[in-house]
C-alpha atoms as a PDB file:
ATOM      1  CA  UNK A   1      18.675-102.866  -9.814  1.00  0.00           C
ATOM      2  CA  UNK A   2      21.564-101.655  -7.690  1.00  0.00           C
ATOM      3  CA  UNK A   3      21.005 -98.289  -6.008  1.00  0.00           C
ATOM      4  CA  UNK A   4      23.849 -96.033  -4.896  1.00  0.00           C
ATOM      5  CA  UNK A   5      23.249 -93.133  -2.499  1.00  0.00           C
ATOM      6  CA  UNK A   6      25.146 -89.986  -3.418  1.00  0.00           C
ATOM      7  CA  UNK A   7      24.057 -88.142  -0.268  1.00  0.00           C
ATOM      8  CA  UNK A   8      22.816 -89.504   3.034  1.00  0.00           C
ATOM      9  CA  UNK A   9      21.487 -87.507   5.959  1.00  0.00           C
ATOM     10  CA  UNK A  10      20.882 -88.702   9.504  1.00  0.00           C
ATOM     11  CA  UNK A  11      17.339 -87.452  10.095  1.00  0.00           C
ATOM     12  CA  UNK A  12      17.838 -87.644  13.866  1.00  0.00           C
ATOM     13  CA  UNK A  13      20.751 -85.205  13.908  1.00  0.00           C
ATOM     14  CA  UNK A  14      20.135 -82.995  10.852  1.00  0.00           C
ATOM     15  CA  UNK A  15      16.756 -81.294  10.781  1.00  0.00           C
ATOM     16  CA  UNK A  16      15.208 -80.670   7.374  1.00  0.00           C
ATOM     17  CA  UNK A  17      12.170 -78.462   7.851  1.00  0.00           C
ATOM     18  CA  UNK A  18       9.604 -76.704   5.703  1.00  0.00           C
ATOM     19  CA  UNK A  19      12.085 -74.441   3.893  1.00  0.00           C
ATOM     20  CA  UNK A  20      14.303 -77.382   2.878  1.00  0.00           C
ATOM     21  CA  UNK A  21      11.316 -79.552   1.938  1.00  0.00           C
ATOM     22  CA  UNK A  22       9.866 -76.866  -0.327  1.00  0.00           C
ATOM     23  CA  UNK A  23      13.271 -76.412  -1.992  1.00  0.00           C
ATOM     24  CA  UNK A  24      13.363 -80.160  -2.671  1.00  0.00           C
ATOM     25  CA  UNK A  25       9.843 -79.962  -4.139  1.00  0.00           C
ATOM     26  CA  UNK A  26      10.837 -77.011  -6.349  1.00  0.00           C
ATOM     27  CA  UNK A  27      13.674 -79.119  -7.775  1.00  0.00           C
ATOM     28  CA  UNK A  28      11.346 -82.073  -8.483  1.00  0.00           C
ATOM     29  CA  UNK A  29       8.921 -83.008 -11.239  1.00  0.00           C
ATOM     30  CA  UNK A  30       7.078 -85.714  -9.262  1.00  0.00           C
ATOM     31  CA  UNK A  31       6.423 -86.558  -5.627  1.00  0.00           C
ATOM     32  CA  UNK A  32       5.182 -89.845  -4.209  1.00  0.00           C
ATOM     33  CA  UNK A  33       4.341 -89.408  -0.517  1.00  0.00           C
ATOM     34  CA  UNK A  34       3.242 -92.371   1.591  1.00  0.00           C
ATOM     35  CA  UNK A  35       1.560 -92.203   4.990  1.00  0.00           C
ATOM     36  CA  UNK A  36       0.299 -95.487   6.380  1.00  0.00           C
ATOM     37  CA  UNK A  37      -1.441 -97.327   3.537  1.00  0.00           C
ATOM     38  CA  UNK A  38      -2.133 -94.186   1.473  1.00  0.00           C
ATOM     39  CA  UNK A  39       0.223 -92.933  -1.252  1.00  0.00           C
ATOM     40  CA  UNK A  40      -0.268 -89.523  -2.866  1.00  0.00           C
ATOM     41  CA  UNK A  41       1.240 -88.845  -6.301  1.00  0.00           C
ATOM     42  CA  UNK A  42       1.791 -85.283  -7.480  1.00  0.00           C
ATOM     43  CA  UNK A  43       2.929 -84.536 -11.025  1.00  0.00           C
ATOM     44  CA  UNK A  44       4.455 -81.114 -10.491  1.00  0.00           C
ATOM     45  CA  UNK A  45       4.747 -80.558 -14.237  1.00  0.00           C
ATOM     46  CA  UNK A  46       0.920 -80.466 -14.381  1.00  0.00           C
ATOM     47  CA  UNK A  47      -0.118 -79.566 -10.827  1.00  0.00           C
ATOM     48  CA  UNK A  48       0.954 -76.521  -8.827  1.00  0.00           C
ATOM     49  CA  UNK A  49      -0.010 -77.268  -5.212  1.00  0.00           C
ATOM     50  CA  UNK A  50       0.390 -74.544  -2.610  1.00  0.00           C
ATOM     51  CA  UNK A  51       3.325 -74.510  -0.220  1.00  0.00           C
ATOM     52  CA  UNK A  52       0.940 -75.554   2.566  1.00  0.00           C
ATOM     53  CA  UNK A  53      -0.295 -78.594   0.612  1.00  0.00           C
ATOM     54  CA  UNK A  54       3.285 -79.636  -0.161  1.00  0.00           C
ATOM     55  CA  UNK A  55       4.338 -79.158   3.459  1.00  0.00           C
ATOM     56  CA  UNK A  56       1.345 -81.207   4.577  1.00  0.00           C
ATOM     57  CA  UNK A  57       2.427 -84.267   2.617  1.00  0.00           C
ATOM     58  CA  UNK A  58       6.183 -83.844   3.058  1.00  0.00           C
ATOM     59  CA  UNK A  59       6.500 -83.005   6.755  1.00  0.00           C
ATOM     60  CA  UNK A  60       5.769 -85.113   9.790  1.00  0.00           C
ATOM     61  CA  UNK A  61       4.012 -83.940  12.970  1.00  0.00           C
ATOM     62  CA  UNK A  62       7.269 -82.449  14.321  1.00  0.00           C
ATOM     63  CA  UNK A  63       7.652 -80.236  11.233  1.00  0.00           C
ATOM     64  CA  UNK A  64      10.607 -82.224   9.906  1.00  0.00           C
ATOM     65  CA  UNK A  65      10.875 -83.864   6.494  1.00  0.00           C
ATOM     66  CA  UNK A  66       9.439 -87.358   6.788  1.00  0.00           C
ATOM     67  CA  UNK A  67      11.810 -90.298   6.525  1.00  0.00           C
ATOM     68  CA  UNK A  68      12.778 -92.098   4.510  1.00  0.00           C
ATOM     69  CA  UNK A  69      13.052 -89.630   1.654  1.00  0.00           C
ATOM     70  CA  UNK A  70      14.661 -90.738  -1.584  1.00  0.00           C
ATOM     71  CA  UNK A  71      15.376 -88.740  -4.739  1.00  0.00           C
ATOM     72  CA  UNK A  72      15.619 -90.574  -8.056  1.00  0.00           C
ATOM     73  CA  UNK A  73      16.465 -87.990 -10.692  1.00  0.00           C
ATOM     74  CA  UNK A  74      13.653 -85.433 -10.399  1.00  0.00           C
ATOM     75  CA  UNK A  75      11.317 -87.789  -8.503  1.00  0.00           C
ATOM     76  CA  UNK A  76      10.928 -87.668  -4.711  1.00  0.00           C
ATOM     77  CA  UNK A  77       9.711 -90.628  -2.671  1.00  0.00           C
ATOM     78  CA  UNK A  78       8.664 -89.612   0.827  1.00  0.00           C
ATOM     79  CA  UNK A  79       7.758 -92.220   3.408  1.00  0.00           C
ATOM     80  CA  UNK A  80       7.891 -95.903   2.564  1.00  0.00           C
ATOM     81  CA  UNK A  81       5.513 -97.873   0.367  1.00  0.00           C
ATOM     82  CA  UNK A  82       6.988-101.145  -0.873  1.00  0.00           C
ATOM     83  CA  UNK A  83       4.877-101.239  -4.045  1.00  0.00           C
ATOM     84  CA  UNK A  84       5.904 -97.698  -5.051  1.00  0.00           C
ATOM     85  CA  UNK A  85       9.589 -98.368  -4.353  1.00  0.00           C
ATOM     86  CA  UNK A  86       9.458-101.631  -6.346  1.00  0.00           C
ATOM     87  CA  UNK A  87       7.736 -99.964  -9.301  1.00  0.00           C
ATOM     88  CA  UNK A  88      10.069 -96.958  -9.472  1.00  0.00           C
ATOM     89  CA  UNK A  89      13.329 -98.731  -8.671  1.00  0.00           C
ATOM     90  CA  UNK A  90      12.743-101.694 -10.967  1.00  0.00           C
ATOM     91  CA  UNK A  91      11.889 -99.721 -14.129  1.00  0.00           C
END
């Protein structure tokens, strides 16, 4: 599958914090967030996590949106997990 980025952001020069992360979550139906070997999946059509829970999985220790972050339709992928990327990009 060929992927084309419609928007790219340099995470080192453009800070996306809690407000921006929560806006992205509000515009999403699913979030896959990977930290280390653990991947968390939230189905936001069924689950309504608090803003603090969302911020906890979306933001890094500096308070910025974790990179890489990829939006596919209404699905957000935060952090990198090869298996999750393969599954979602090769459907």
